[in-house]
Protein backbone atom coordinates (compact mmCIF):
# COMPACT_ATOMS: atom_id res chain seq x y z
CA MET A 1 -42.63 54.52 -187.65
CA LYS A 2 -44.62 55.98 -184.82
CA ARG A 3 -45.01 54.06 -181.66
CA VAL A 4 -48.25 54.32 -179.87
CA PHE A 5 -49.50 53.20 -176.48
CA VAL A 6 -53.23 52.21 -176.96
CA ASP A 7 -55.63 52.85 -174.03
CA THR A 8 -58.17 50.24 -172.97
CA ASN A 9 -61.20 52.43 -174.22
CA ILE A 10 -59.73 52.21 -177.74
CA ILE A 11 -59.53 48.41 -177.71
CA VAL A 12 -62.97 48.17 -176.46
CA ASP A 13 -64.26 50.57 -179.20
CA LEU A 14 -62.51 48.22 -181.75
CA ILE A 15 -63.98 44.97 -180.52
CA ALA A 16 -67.46 46.21 -179.43
CA ASP A 17 -67.77 48.44 -182.61
CA ARG A 18 -68.85 51.40 -180.27
CA GLN A 19 -70.08 54.00 -182.78
CA PRO A 20 -69.01 56.58 -183.55
CA PHE A 21 -65.73 55.79 -182.14
CA SER A 22 -64.93 52.48 -183.56
CA LYS A 23 -64.13 53.97 -186.94
CA PHE A 24 -60.99 55.58 -185.51
CA ALA A 25 -60.03 52.55 -183.56
CA ILE A 26 -60.39 50.35 -186.80
CA GLU A 27 -58.15 52.88 -188.75
CA ILE A 28 -55.46 52.76 -186.06
CA PHE A 29 -55.35 48.83 -186.11
CA GLU A 30 -55.49 48.93 -190.01
CA LYS A 31 -52.35 51.13 -189.88
CA ALA A 32 -50.69 48.64 -187.52
CA GLU A 33 -51.66 45.67 -190.00
CA ARG A 34 -50.00 47.61 -192.71
CA ASN A 35 -46.82 48.17 -190.44
CA GLU A 36 -47.43 52.09 -190.58
CA VAL A 37 -47.46 52.27 -186.81
CA GLN A 38 -46.34 50.08 -183.95
CA LEU A 39 -48.90 49.52 -181.20
CA PHE A 40 -48.58 48.72 -177.55
CA THR A 41 -50.94 48.27 -174.54
CA SER A 42 -50.76 46.79 -171.02
CA SER A 43 -51.65 43.29 -169.97
CA HIS A 44 -54.35 45.07 -167.79
CA SER A 45 -55.96 46.62 -170.90
CA ILE A 46 -56.52 43.13 -172.31
CA ALA A 47 -57.93 41.61 -169.02
CA THR A 48 -60.05 44.73 -168.66
CA THR A 49 -61.38 44.44 -172.24
CA HIS A 50 -62.38 40.91 -171.66
CA TYR A 51 -64.03 41.76 -168.38
CA LEU A 52 -66.06 44.69 -169.95
CA LEU A 53 -67.19 42.77 -173.10
CA LYS A 54 -67.83 39.25 -171.65
CA LYS A 55 -71.58 40.21 -171.04
CA TYR A 56 -71.96 41.33 -174.75
CA LEU A 57 -70.05 38.52 -176.59
CA GLU A 58 -69.99 34.77 -176.30
CA GLU A 59 -66.91 33.66 -174.47
CA LYS A 60 -65.26 31.68 -177.14
CA LYS A 61 -65.78 34.40 -179.72
CA LEU A 62 -64.53 37.11 -177.48
CA ARG A 63 -61.32 35.25 -176.66
CA ASP A 64 -60.75 34.61 -180.43
CA VAL A 65 -61.23 38.35 -181.24
CA ILE A 66 -58.92 39.32 -178.46
CA TYR A 67 -56.33 36.74 -179.63
CA ASN A 68 -56.48 38.16 -183.10
CA VAL A 69 -56.00 41.78 -181.74
CA LEU A 70 -52.83 40.47 -180.07
CA GLU A 71 -51.26 40.21 -183.72
CA TYR A 72 -51.27 44.03 -184.01
CA VAL A 73 -50.36 45.08 -180.42
CA GLN A 74 -47.31 44.42 -178.20
CA ILE A 75 -48.26 43.70 -174.49
CA ILE A 76 -46.36 45.44 -171.74
CA ALA A 77 -46.72 43.38 -168.69
CA ILE A 78 -47.86 45.01 -165.35
CA ASP A 79 -45.36 43.67 -162.92
CA GLU A 80 -44.71 44.24 -159.24
CA ASP A 81 -42.42 47.29 -159.90
CA ILE A 82 -45.12 49.00 -161.98
CA ILE A 83 -47.74 48.23 -159.40
CA LYS A 84 -45.64 49.65 -156.50
CA LYS A 85 -44.75 52.78 -158.31
CA GLY A 86 -48.57 53.19 -159.37
CA LEU A 87 -49.55 52.84 -155.64
CA LYS A 88 -46.98 55.38 -154.72
CA SER A 89 -47.61 57.84 -157.66
CA LYS A 90 -49.46 61.02 -157.01
CA HIS A 91 -51.92 60.30 -159.85
CA LYS A 92 -55.39 60.23 -158.45
CA ASP A 93 -56.53 57.23 -160.55
CA PHE A 94 -54.51 54.06 -159.87
CA GLU A 95 -55.45 52.21 -163.09
CA ASP A 96 -54.40 55.31 -165.17
CA ALA A 97 -51.22 55.42 -163.30
CA LEU A 98 -50.50 51.78 -164.30
CA GLN A 99 -51.23 52.63 -167.87
CA MET A 100 -48.82 55.64 -167.88
CA LEU A 101 -46.01 53.61 -166.09
CA CYS A 102 -46.40 50.88 -168.82
CA ALA A 103 -46.29 53.50 -171.49
CA TYR A 104 -43.01 54.83 -169.87
CA ASN A 105 -41.36 51.49 -170.26
CA ILE A 106 -41.46 51.67 -173.99
CA GLU A 107 -38.44 53.19 -175.69
CA LYS A 108 -39.14 55.99 -177.97
CA LEU A 109 -42.87 56.04 -177.49
CA ASP A 110 -44.40 58.86 -179.53
CA TYR A 111 -48.00 59.00 -178.09
CA ILE A 112 -50.63 57.57 -175.88
CA VAL A 113 -54.10 57.19 -177.64
CA THR A 114 -57.13 57.53 -175.63
CA ARG A 115 -60.59 59.06 -175.53
CA ASN A 116 -59.96 60.02 -171.98
CA ILE A 117 -57.32 62.85 -172.44
CA LYS A 118 -57.94 64.39 -169.05
CA ASP A 119 -56.87 61.21 -167.22
CA PHE A 120 -53.40 61.52 -168.90
CA LYS A 121 -52.98 65.35 -168.54
CA ASN A 122 -49.88 64.70 -166.22
CA SER A 123 -48.35 62.19 -168.65
CA GLU A 124 -44.80 62.79 -169.85
CA ILE A 125 -45.79 61.32 -173.17
CA PRO A 126 -48.34 63.21 -175.20
CA ALA A 127 -51.82 61.78 -175.04
CA LEU A 128 -54.16 62.27 -177.97
CA PRO A 129 -57.70 61.30 -178.88
CA PRO A 130 -57.80 58.81 -181.79
CA ASP A 131 -58.91 61.30 -184.54
CA GLU A 132 -56.00 63.56 -183.59
CA LEU A 133 -53.57 60.74 -183.64
CA LEU A 134 -54.69 59.78 -187.07
CA THR A 135 -54.24 63.29 -188.32
CA LYS A 136 -50.60 63.38 -187.13
CA MET A 137 -49.90 60.03 -188.66
């Protein structure tokens, strides 16, 4: 079974039904529901998703939706060690550095899925756009 780290934009695509991208996010999470892929994301991604979508969805509904998403994705906590490594990293974008460092904490991770491939060009783990990930699975 493939192990995939899901970037924030994919979760936002899923919950906000951002067309045309949401179809790929839905398919990825359906594969997780069928136990065909194991998904991971950072605690920061969940918080950021809530922050970005709270102006578009009613609070209770948004919390319920995010809670349901947690059934299909394992959360990697951003702790002090990851933050310190992110602050000292050579990566230009601190947030992306945190995402990569979380991904590096997952044993035998196959891919990072994101629509912002350029942000992960220095990643040790292959970063793929969602449509390409689905083709590989």
